[in-house]
Amino acid sequence: MYLMYYLDSNGKRVYTLSKFAPDGKMTQSAHPARFSPEDRYSRERITTKRRFGLLVLKEPVAMSVAQLG
């Protein structure tokens, strides 16, 4: 089950686990995942990117003295 939401009459989000809002409209995902939990091939993709140096990881940004002061 995924956390879903719909907009109420005031335009505020109402969170639910249901796929449909009370008015019959489809709900939207509350927080789309970067990787789908149903993705069967993500491990192979990450391994291939790491092997060929294409995997981008977050690295700390080096700051110079001029930027700090």
Protein backbone atom coordinates (compact mmCIF):
# COMPACT_ATOMS: atom_id res chain seq x y z
CA MET A 1 0.00 0.00 0.00
CA TYR A 2 1.15 3.49 -0.77
CA LEU A 3 0.33 6.74 0.97
CA MET A 4 -2.00 8.72 -1.28
CA TYR A 5 -3.73 12.09 -1.05
CA TYR A 6 -6.58 14.09 -2.53
CA LEU A 7 -7.52 17.76 -2.25
CA ASP A 8 -10.50 18.71 -0.11
CA SER A 9 -12.89 21.58 -0.84
CA ASN A 10 -10.44 24.06 0.74
CA GLY A 11 -7.55 22.86 -1.42
CA LYS A 12 -5.73 21.14 1.44
CA ARG A 13 -4.25 17.67 1.17
CA VAL A 14 -6.10 14.81 2.84
CA TYR A 15 -3.90 11.71 3.21
CA THR A 16 -5.31 8.23 2.75
CA LEU A 17 -4.35 4.70 1.72
CA SER A 18 -7.32 4.47 -0.63
CA LYS A 19 -6.95 4.68 -4.41
CA PHE A 20 -10.12 6.79 -4.72
CA ALA A 21 -11.27 9.97 -2.97
CA PRO A 22 -14.79 10.12 -1.48
CA ASP A 23 -15.98 12.04 -4.56
CA GLY A 24 -14.86 9.15 -6.81
CA LYS A 25 -11.75 10.77 -8.29
CA MET A 26 -8.40 8.98 -8.29
CA THR A 27 -5.98 9.95 -5.52
CA GLN A 28 -2.38 10.98 -6.17
CA SER A 29 0.81 9.59 -4.70
CA ALA A 30 1.84 11.56 -1.62
CA HIS A 31 5.55 11.15 -2.26
CA PRO A 32 6.68 9.57 -5.50
CA ALA A 33 9.64 7.30 -4.91
CA ARG A 34 12.90 7.82 -6.74
CA PHE A 35 12.97 4.10 -7.43
CA SER A 36 9.82 2.05 -7.64
CA PRO A 37 9.69 -0.78 -5.11
CA GLU A 38 8.31 -2.92 -7.94
CA ASP A 39 11.38 -2.34 -10.15
CA ARG A 40 13.01 -5.74 -10.73
CA TYR A 41 16.10 -4.48 -12.55
CA SER A 42 17.32 -1.57 -10.40
CA ARG A 43 20.19 -3.61 -8.91
CA GLU A 44 21.52 -4.48 -12.38
CA ARG A 45 21.27 -0.84 -13.51
CA ILE A 46 23.15 0.43 -10.47
CA THR A 47 25.83 -2.26 -10.84
CA THR A 48 26.34 -1.39 -14.52
CA LYS A 49 26.55 2.34 -13.81
CA ARG A 50 29.05 1.75 -11.00
CA ARG A 51 31.16 -0.53 -13.22
CA PHE A 52 31.44 2.05 -16.02
CA GLY A 53 31.83 5.08 -13.74
CA LEU A 54 28.42 6.55 -14.53
CA LEU A 55 26.94 6.34 -11.04
CA VAL A 56 26.60 9.87 -9.66
CA LEU A 57 26.88 10.01 -5.89
CA LYS A 58 26.43 13.04 -3.69
CA GLU A 59 29.82 14.40 -2.72
CA PRO A 60 30.54 17.26 -0.31
CA VAL A 61 31.16 20.56 -2.05
CA ALA A 62 34.63 21.94 -1.39
CA MET A 63 34.45 25.59 -0.36
CA SER A 64 37.33 28.00 -0.80
CA VAL A 65 38.38 30.64 1.74
CA ALA A 66 36.99 33.39 -0.53
CA GLN A 67 33.52 31.79 -0.46
CA LEU A 68 33.53 31.49 3.33
CA GLY A 69 34.49 35.04 4.12
